[in-house]
Amino acid sequence: MDDTTQISDFRKRILQDPEALLNDREVMRALISASSSNAPTNVIDLKSVVLKRLEGRVEEIEGQNSNIISAAYKNISTTTKVHSAILDALEPKTFTEFLHFLKTDWASSLNIDVARLCLEAPSINQDDIPQLEIEFGPSVVFLQEGEINHYISLGQDSDPRPVTLRQIRKGASNIYNDIAPKLRSEALMKLDLGQGNSPGLLLLGSINSDQFLPNMGTDLFVFYGSIFEKIMQRWFFNGQS
């Protein structure tokens, strides 16, 4: 096959599918470079400069779009997971079943390492804790009055936010028990349990330091906490069955 035939065949392929040529960045770069090489030496080729900048901008936009799509899929996945976890928490028909759920399935339903429910009991003392753990299980932790706000605010004199996400060096041993030294981040959701009742606190702990970060959105945590408030009022304050 001579050169004339090859050129003719190549020309036909381009005419049949010009988009293939235009979408090939390396080919287009080579064509622009060949065109620019024929320009006089005293001519500044602004076209190639502009094209390079545009190409960089296109790559940047493509990267941003990819990140946005990835974040959207992750958000949908997280939302679905939270909705499923809420349905799991609503499933128990008796108080005994609810306590069993907290002990065995609660953390796994949220796909985290550990979950705790803290309640304040003003009259509690250390001697009562072993019996309470037997009755309620390790996932329900009883604290002295004022300890929930103290824990959320890290001892500072300030009103805690409804949701706090933070990194930690380790978890509190009186709350997380044996897994406490391994924890590196936690989510805290303060619960309003109704007029006349002490506040409650949901804690989600993770061994991953990036699981819960202060700059993350809190909408889903607020939603989950509000649902759990209703569940708590149902079982703890409206009578157990």
C-alpha atoms as a PDB file:
ATOM      1  CA  MET A   1       0.000   0.000   0.000  1.00  0.00           C
ATOM      2  CA  ASP A   2       1.562   3.302  -1.122  1.00  0.00           C
ATOM      3  CA  ASP A   3       1.488   6.587   0.803  1.00  0.00           C
ATOM      4  CA  THR A   4      -1.293   8.028  -1.364  1.00  0.00           C
ATOM      5  CA  THR A   5      -3.599   5.104  -0.546  1.00  0.00           C
ATOM      6  CA  GLN A   6      -2.816   5.365   3.198  1.00  0.00           C
ATOM      7  CA  ILE A   7      -3.568   9.085   3.210  1.00  0.00           C
ATOM      8  CA  SER A   8      -6.812   8.485   1.311  1.00  0.00           C
ATOM      9  CA  ASP A   9      -7.920   5.804   3.778  1.00  0.00           C
ATOM     10  CA  PHE A  10      -6.987   8.005   6.732  1.00  0.00           C
ATOM     11  CA  ARG A  11      -8.956  10.892   5.234  1.00  0.00           C
ATOM     12  CA  LYS A  12     -12.032   8.678   4.795  1.00  0.00           C
ATOM     13  CA  ARG A  13     -11.874   7.544   8.438  1.00  0.00           C
ATOM     14  CA  ILE A  14     -11.679  11.140   9.632  1.00  0.00           C
ATOM     15  CA  LEU A  15     -14.633  12.179   7.471  1.00  0.00           C
ATOM     16  CA  GLN A  16     -16.665   9.200   8.703  1.00  0.00           C
ATOM     17  CA  ASP A  17     -16.014   9.934  12.391  1.00  0.00           C
ATOM     18  CA  PRO A  18     -14.585  13.438  12.951  1.00  0.00           C
ATOM     19  CA  GLU A  19     -15.575  13.349  16.641  1.00  0.00           C
ATOM     20  CA  ALA A  20     -13.018  10.624  17.284  1.00  0.00           C
ATOM     21  CA  LEU A  21     -10.286  12.982  16.131  1.00  0.00           C
ATOM     22  CA  LEU A  22     -11.605  15.994  18.038  1.00  0.00           C
ATOM     23  CA  ASN A  23     -11.967  14.002  21.257  1.00  0.00           C
ATOM     24  CA  ASP A  24      -8.399  12.714  21.136  1.00  0.00           C
ATOM     25  CA  ARG A  25      -6.376  15.279  23.081  1.00  0.00           C
ATOM     26  CA  GLU A  26      -2.970  13.944  22.077  1.00  0.00           C
ATOM     27  CA  VAL A  27      -3.852  14.052  18.372  1.00  0.00           C
ATOM     28  CA  MET A  28      -5.262  17.578  18.655  1.00  0.00           C
ATOM     29  CA  ARG A  29      -2.199  18.715  20.591  1.00  0.00           C
ATOM     30  CA  ALA A  30       0.070  17.319  17.885  1.00  0.00           C
ATOM     31  CA  LEU A  31      -1.927  19.053  15.131  1.00  0.00           C
ATOM     32  CA  ILE A  32      -1.808  22.390  16.958  1.00  0.00           C
ATOM     33  CA  SER A  33       1.908  21.977  17.552  1.00  0.00           C
ATOM     34  CA  ALA A  34       2.486  21.219  13.874  1.00  0.00           C
ATOM     35  CA  SER A  35       0.488  24.286  12.903  1.00  0.00           C
ATOM     36  CA  SER A  36       2.384  26.481  15.329  1.00  0.00           C
ATOM     37  CA  SER A  37       5.781  25.270  14.124  1.00  0.00           C
ATOM     38  CA  ASN A  38       5.135  26.845  10.720  1.00  0.00           C
ATOM     39  CA  ALA A  39       4.655  30.311  12.208  1.00  0.00           C
ATOM     40  CA  PRO A  40       7.431  32.930  11.807  1.00  0.00           C
ATOM     41  CA  THR A  41       9.902  33.127  14.684  1.00  0.00           C
ATOM     42  CA  ASN A  42       8.880  36.686  15.529  1.00  0.00           C
ATOM     43  CA  VAL A  43       5.216  35.700  16.051  1.00  0.00           C
ATOM     44  CA  ILE A  44       4.010  34.858  19.568  1.00  0.00           C
ATOM     45  CA  ASP A  45       1.616  31.909  19.431  1.00  0.00           C
ATOM     46  CA  LEU A  46      -1.094  32.999  21.872  1.00  0.00           C
ATOM     47  CA  LYS A  47      -3.437  30.374  20.479  1.00  0.00           C
ATOM     48  CA  SER A  48      -1.467  27.500  21.962  1.00  0.00           C
ATOM     49  CA  VAL A  49      -1.205  29.304  25.298  1.00  0.00           C
ATOM     50  CA  VAL A  50      -4.963  29.852  25.421  1.00  0.00           C
ATOM     51  CA  LEU A  51      -5.641  26.265  24.384  1.00  0.00           C
ATOM     52  CA  LYS A  52      -3.358  24.931  27.105  1.00  0.00           C
ATOM     53  CA  ARG A  53      -5.151  27.032  29.703  1.00  0.00           C
ATOM     54  CA  LEU A  54      -8.530  25.912  28.402  1.00  0.00           C
ATOM     55  CA  GLU A  55      -7.395  22.308  28.457  1.00  0.00           C
ATOM     56  CA  GLY A  56      -6.262  22.673  32.059  1.00  0.00           C
ATOM     57  CA  ARG A  57      -9.555  24.289  32.963  1.00  0.00           C
ATOM     58  CA  VAL A  58     -11.516  21.477  31.300  1.00  0.00           C
ATOM     59  CA  GLU A  59      -9.534  18.884  33.252  1.00  0.00           C
ATOM     60  CA  GLU A  60     -10.180  20.818  36.465  1.00  0.00           C
ATOM     61  CA  ILE A  61     -13.922  20.986  35.779  1.00  0.00           C
ATOM     62  CA  GLU A  62     -14.027  17.282  34.931  1.00  0.00           C
ATOM     63  CA  GLY A  63     -12.293  16.531  38.227  1.00  0.00           C
ATOM     64  CA  GLN A  64     -14.742  18.721  40.140  1.00  0.00           C
ATOM     65  CA  ASN A  65     -17.708  17.063  38.443  1.00  0.00           C
ATOM     66  CA  SER A  66     -16.316  13.660  39.328  1.00  0.00           C
ATOM     67  CA  ASN A  67     -15.945  14.704  42.978  1.00  0.00           C
ATOM     68  CA  ILE A  68     -19.472  16.131  43.058  1.00  0.00           C
ATOM     69  CA  ILE A  69     -20.941  12.940  41.611  1.00  0.00           C
ATOM     70  CA  SER A  70     -18.937  10.823  44.048  1.00  0.00           C
ATOM     71  CA  ALA A  71     -20.088  12.963  46.996  1.00  0.00           C
ATOM     72  CA  ALA A  72     -23.707  12.751  45.814  1.00  0.00           C
ATOM     73  CA  TYR A  73     -23.579   8.952  45.654  1.00  0.00           C
ATOM     74  CA  LYS A  74     -21.966   8.850  49.103  1.00  0.00           C
ATOM     75  CA  ASN A  75     -24.643  11.158  50.512  1.00  0.00           C
ATOM     76  CA  ILE A  76     -27.415   8.994  49.052  1.00  0.00           C
ATOM     77  CA  SER A  77     -25.780   5.893  50.497  1.00  0.00           C
ATOM     78  CA  THR A  78     -25.444   7.512  53.934  1.00  0.00           C
ATOM     79  CA  THR A  79     -29.041   8.751  53.889  1.00  0.00           C
ATOM     80  CA  THR A  80     -30.295   5.288  52.972  1.00  0.00           C
ATOM     81  CA  LYS A  81     -28.211   3.781  55.767  1.00  0.00           C
ATOM     82  CA  VAL A  82     -29.619   6.195  58.365  1.00  0.00           C
ATOM     83  CA  HIS A  83     -33.193   5.582  57.233  1.00  0.00           C
ATOM     84  CA  SER A  84     -32.610   1.840  57.501  1.00  0.00           C
ATOM     85  CA  ALA A  85     -31.099   2.270  60.982  1.00  0.00           C
ATOM     86  CA  ILE A  86     -34.158   4.247  62.098  1.00  0.00           C
ATOM     87  CA  LEU A  87     -36.470   1.485  60.904  1.00  0.00           C
ATOM     88  CA  ASP A  88     -34.364  -1.029  62.840  1.00  0.00           C
ATOM     89  CA  ALA A  89     -34.695   1.077  66.007  1.00  0.00           C
ATOM     90  CA  LEU A  90     -38.472   1.264  65.568  1.00  0.00           C
ATOM     91  CA  GLU A  91     -38.823  -2.484  65.051  1.00  0.00           C
ATOM     92  CA  PRO A  92     -38.777  -3.739  68.706  1.00  0.00           C
ATOM     93  CA  LYS A  93     -42.275  -4.398  70.043  1.00  0.00           C
ATOM     94  CA  THR A  94     -41.394  -4.597  73.743  1.00  0.00           C
ATOM     95  CA  PHE A  95     -38.960  -2.806  76.045  1.00  0.00           C
ATOM     96  CA  THR A  96     -36.985  -6.025  76.454  1.00  0.00           C
ATOM     97  CA  GLU A  97     -36.636  -6.301  72.679  1.00  0.00           C
ATOM     98  CA  PHE A  98     -35.525  -2.667  72.523  1.00  0.00           C
ATOM     99  CA  LEU A  99     -32.781  -3.240  75.097  1.00  0.00           C
ATOM    100  CA  HIS A 100     -31.696  -6.332  73.177  1.00  0.00           C
ATOM    101  CA  PHE A 101     -31.489  -4.244  70.000  1.00  0.00           C
ATOM    102  CA  LEU A 102     -29.311  -1.650  71.741  1.00  0.00           C
ATOM    103  CA  LYS A 103     -26.998  -4.373  73.004  1.00  0.00           C
ATOM    104  CA  THR A 104     -26.643  -6.494  69.877  1.00  0.00           C
ATOM    105  CA  ASP A 105     -27.677  -4.736  66.660  1.00  0.00           C
ATOM    106  CA  TRP A 106     -27.589  -0.987  67.257  1.00  0.00           C
ATOM    107  CA  ALA A 107     -23.978  -0.243  66.269  1.00  0.00           C
ATOM    108  CA  SER A 108     -24.049  -2.603  63.285  1.00  0.00           C
ATOM    109  CA  SER A 109     -27.255  -0.998  61.980  1.00  0.00           C
ATOM    110  CA  LEU A 110     -25.323   2.287  61.738  1.00  0.00           C
ATOM    111  CA  ASN A 111     -22.166   0.584  60.457  1.00  0.00           C
ATOM    112  CA  ILE A 112     -20.019   2.023  63.244  1.00  0.00           C
ATOM    113  CA  ASP A 113     -17.786   0.521  65.908  1.00  0.00           C
ATOM    114  CA  VAL A 114     -19.757   1.385  69.030  1.00  0.00           C
ATOM    115  CA  ALA A 115     -22.972   3.173  70.040  1.00  0.00           C
ATOM    116  CA  ARG A 116     -24.014   4.347  73.485  1.00  0.00           C
ATOM    117  CA  LEU A 117     -27.111   5.894  75.038  1.00  0.00           C
ATOM    118  CA  CYS A 118     -26.373   8.040  78.098  1.00  0.00           C
ATOM    119  CA  LEU A 119     -29.027   9.006  80.638  1.00  0.00           C
ATOM    120  CA  GLU A 120     -28.648  11.148  83.728  1.00  0.00           C
ATOM    121  CA  ALA A 121     -29.741   9.675  87.051  1.00  0.00           C
ATOM    122  CA  PRO A 122     -29.178  12.187  89.895  1.00  0.00           C
ATOM    123  CA  SER A 123     -29.329   9.594  92.648  1.00  0.00           C
ATOM    124  CA  ILE A 124     -26.982   7.074  91.046  1.00  0.00           C
ATOM    125  CA  ASN A 125     -23.766   5.949  92.736  1.00  0.00           C
ATOM    126  CA  GLN A 126     -20.947   3.673  91.661  1.00  0.00           C
ATOM    127  CA  ASP A 127     -22.361   0.729  93.588  1.00  0.00           C
ATOM    128  CA  ASP A 128     -25.496   0.813  91.415  1.00  0.00           C
ATOM    129  CA  ILE A 129     -23.668   0.538  88.077  1.00  0.00           C
ATOM    130  CA  PRO A 130     -23.079  -3.262  87.968  1.00  0.00           C
ATOM    131  CA  GLN A 131     -26.770  -3.968  88.556  1.00  0.00           C
ATOM    132  CA  LEU A 132     -27.822  -1.344  85.988  1.00  0.00           C
ATOM    133  CA  GLU A 133     -25.511  -2.905  83.380  1.00  0.00           C
ATOM    134  CA  ILE A 134     -27.149  -6.265  84.015  1.00  0.00           C
ATOM    135  CA  GLU A 135     -30.619  -4.762  83.680  1.00  0.00           C
ATOM    136  CA  PHE A 136     -30.059  -2.412  80.725  1.00  0.00           C
ATOM    137  CA  GLY A 137     -26.947  -3.819  79.038  1.00  0.00           C
ATOM    138  CA  PRO A 138     -23.628  -2.080  78.259  1.00  0.00           C
ATOM    139  CA  SER A 139     -25.118   0.182  75.576  1.00  0.00           C
ATOM    140  CA  VAL A 140     -27.096   2.215  78.143  1.00  0.00           C
ATOM    141  CA  VAL A 141     -24.867   4.324  80.409  1.00  0.00           C
ATOM    142  CA  PHE A 142     -26.126   6.170  83.494  1.00  0.00           C
ATOM    143  CA  LEU A 143     -24.375   9.391  84.506  1.00  0.00           C
ATOM    144  CA  GLN A 144     -24.639  11.902  87.316  1.00  0.00           C
ATOM    145  CA  GLU A 145     -26.712  15.056  86.826  1.00  0.00           C
ATOM    146  CA  GLY A 146     -24.866  17.585  84.661  1.00  0.00           C
ATOM    147  CA  GLU A 147     -22.355  15.088  83.283  1.00  0.00           C
ATOM    148  CA  ILE A 148     -23.865  15.059  79.780  1.00  0.00           C
ATOM    149  CA  ASN A 149     -23.344  18.794  79.203  1.00  0.00           C
ATOM    150  CA  HIS A 150     -19.920  18.539  80.824  1.00  0.00           C
ATOM    151  CA  TYR A 151     -18.896  15.727  78.483  1.00  0.00           C
ATOM    152  CA  ILE A 152     -20.187  17.426  75.317  1.00  0.00           C
ATOM    153  CA  SER A 153     -18.526  20.776  76.105  1.00  0.00           C
ATOM    154  CA  LEU A 154     -15.322  19.151  77.408  1.00  0.00           C
ATOM    155  CA  GLY A 155     -15.801  20.858  80.744  1.00  0.00           C
ATOM    156  CA  GLN A 156     -16.251  24.356  79.338  1.00  0.00           C
ATOM    157  CA  ASP A 157     -18.987  26.628  80.641  1.00  0.00           C
ATOM    158  CA  SER A 158     -21.039  26.808  77.444  1.00  0.00           C
ATOM    159  CA  ASP A 159     -24.314  25.524  76.080  1.00  0.00           C
ATOM    160  CA  PRO A 160     -23.601  22.424  73.980  1.00  0.00           C
ATOM    161  CA  ARG A 161     -24.845  22.202  70.416  1.00  0.00           C
ATOM    162  CA  PRO A 162     -27.489  19.591  69.511  1.00  0.00           C
ATOM    163  CA  VAL A 163     -24.867  17.722  67.459  1.00  0.00           C
ATOM    164  CA  THR A 164     -21.108  17.632  68.000  1.00  0.00           C
ATOM    165  CA  LEU A 165     -18.667  15.840  65.699  1.00  0.00           C
ATOM    166  CA  ARG A 166     -15.053  15.626  66.799  1.00  0.00           C
ATOM    167  CA  GLN A 167     -11.794  13.732  66.734  1.00  0.00           C
ATOM    168  CA  ILE A 168     -10.529  12.282  69.996  1.00  0.00           C
ATOM    169  CA  ARG A 169      -7.342  10.697  71.278  1.00  0.00           C
ATOM    170  CA  LYS A 170      -9.362   8.006  73.009  1.00  0.00           C
ATOM    171  CA  GLY A 171     -12.887   7.450  74.241  1.00  0.00           C
ATOM    172  CA  ALA A 172     -14.129   7.831  77.803  1.00  0.00           C
ATOM    173  CA  SER A 173     -13.677   4.490  79.552  1.00  0.00           C
ATOM    174  CA  ASN A 174     -16.761   4.936  81.753  1.00  0.00           C
ATOM    175  CA  ILE A 175     -18.882   5.239  78.595  1.00  0.00           C
ATOM    176  CA  TYR A 176     -17.229   3.098  75.925  1.00  0.00           C
ATOM    177  CA  ASN A 177     -15.705   0.419  78.181  1.00  0.00           C
ATOM    178  CA  ASP A 178     -13.034  -1.811  76.609  1.00  0.00           C
ATOM    179  CA  ILE A 179     -13.069  -0.240  73.139  1.00  0.00           C
ATOM    180  CA  ALA A 180     -12.414   3.267  74.531  1.00  0.00           C
ATOM    181  CA  PRO A 181      -8.606   3.316  73.919  1.00  0.00           C
ATOM    182  CA  LYS A 182      -9.111   2.460  70.231  1.00  0.00           C
ATOM    183  CA  LEU A 183     -11.591   5.236  69.413  1.00  0.00           C
ATOM    184  CA  ARG A 184     -10.409   8.240  67.400  1.00  0.00           C
ATOM    185  CA  SER A 185     -13.628  10.145  66.584  1.00  0.00           C
ATOM    186  CA  GLU A 186     -17.162  10.417  67.888  1.00  0.00           C
ATOM    187  CA  ALA A 187     -20.564  11.908  67.136  1.00  0.00           C
ATOM    188  CA  LEU A 188     -22.652  13.262  70.005  1.00  0.00           C
ATOM    189  CA  MET A 189     -26.380  13.966  69.756  1.00  0.00           C
ATOM    190  CA  LYS A 190     -27.995  15.624  72.747  1.00  0.00           C
ATOM    191  CA  LEU A 191     -31.547  14.433  73.349  1.00  0.00           C
ATOM    192  CA  ASP A 192     -34.408  16.507  74.686  1.00  0.00           C
ATOM    193  CA  LEU A 193     -36.503  13.990  76.592  1.00  0.00           C
ATOM    194  CA  GLY A 194     -39.332  16.312  77.478  1.00  0.00           C
ATOM    195  CA  GLN A 195     -40.210  18.800  80.184  1.00  0.00           C
ATOM    196  CA  GLY A 196     -39.151  17.722  83.640  1.00  0.00           C
ATOM    197  CA  ASN A 197     -36.742  15.038  82.376  1.00  0.00           C
ATOM    198  CA  SER A 198     -32.963  15.195  82.339  1.00  0.00           C
ATOM    199  CA  PRO A 199     -31.321  15.266  78.884  1.00  0.00           C
ATOM    200  CA  GLY A 200     -30.066  12.181  77.131  1.00  0.00           C
ATOM    201  CA  LEU A 201     -27.088  11.684  74.849  1.00  0.00           C
ATOM    202  CA  LEU A 202     -26.427   9.452  71.859  1.00  0.00           C
ATOM    203  CA  LEU A 203     -22.782   8.678  71.201  1.00  0.00           C
ATOM    204  CA  LEU A 204     -21.400   7.014  68.090  1.00  0.00           C
ATOM    205  CA  GLY A 205     -17.736   6.074  68.318  1.00  0.00           C
ATOM    206  CA  SER A 206     -15.325   5.082  65.569  1.00  0.00           C
ATOM    207  CA  ILE A 207     -11.741   3.836  65.426  1.00  0.00           C
ATOM    208  CA  ASN A 208     -11.417   5.867  62.204  1.00  0.00           C
ATOM    209  CA  SER A 209     -10.238   9.414  62.949  1.00  0.00           C
ATOM    210  CA  ASP A 210     -11.964  10.718  59.797  1.00  0.00           C
ATOM    211  CA  GLN A 211     -15.356   9.143  60.491  1.00  0.00           C
ATOM    212  CA  PHE A 212     -16.698  12.167  62.375  1.00  0.00           C
ATOM    213  CA  LEU A 213     -15.179  15.581  61.620  1.00  0.00           C
ATOM    214  CA  PRO A 214     -16.297  19.045  62.825  1.00  0.00           C
ATOM    215  CA  ASN A 215     -16.732  20.335  59.253  1.00  0.00           C
ATOM    216  CA  MET A 216     -19.184  17.608  58.254  1.00  0.00           C
ATOM    217  CA  GLY A 217     -22.885  18.279  57.757  1.00  0.00           C
ATOM    218  CA  THR A 218     -25.110  17.433  60.700  1.00  0.00           C
ATOM    219  CA  ASP A 219     -28.589  17.254  59.130  1.00  0.00           C
ATOM    220  CA  LEU A 220     -28.771  13.456  59.228  1.00  0.00           C
ATOM    221  CA  PHE A 221     -27.495  13.367  62.813  1.00  0.00           C
ATOM    222  CA  VAL A 222     -30.150  15.894  63.864  1.00  0.00           C
ATOM    223  CA  PHE A 223     -32.801  13.797  62.115  1.00  0.00           C
ATOM    224  CA  TYR A 224     -31.635  10.553  63.719  1.00  0.00           C
ATOM    225  CA  GLY A 225     -31.459  12.208  67.140  1.00  0.00           C
ATOM    226  CA  SER A 226     -34.995  13.616  66.854  1.00  0.00           C
ATOM    227  CA  ILE A 227     -36.370  10.175  65.974  1.00  0.00           C
ATOM    228  CA  PHE A 228     -34.497   8.635  68.883  1.00  0.00           C
ATOM    229  CA  GLU A 229     -36.018  11.227  71.221  1.00  0.00           C
ATOM    230  CA  LYS A 230     -39.467   9.921  70.287  1.00  0.00           C
ATOM    231  CA  ILE A 231     -38.338   6.332  70.790  1.00  0.00           C
ATOM    232  CA  MET A 232     -36.938   7.195  74.223  1.00  0.00           C
ATOM    233  CA  GLN A 233     -40.119   8.939  75.295  1.00  0.00           C
ATOM    234  CA  ARG A 234     -42.076   5.890  74.162  1.00  0.00           C
ATOM    235  CA  TRP A 235     -40.090   3.363  76.175  1.00  0.00           C
ATOM    236  CA  PHE A 236     -38.726   5.268  79.151  1.00  0.00           C
ATOM    237  CA  PHE A 237     -41.276   7.947  79.924  1.00  0.00           C
ATOM    238  CA  ASN A 238     -44.615   6.727  78.562  1.00  0.00           C
ATOM    239  CA  GLY A 239     -44.495   3.378  80.261  1.00  0.00           C
ATOM    240  CA  GLN A 240     -42.704   0.163  79.383  1.00  0.00           C
ATOM    241  CA  SER A 241     -44.318  -2.970  78.023  1.00  0.00           C
END
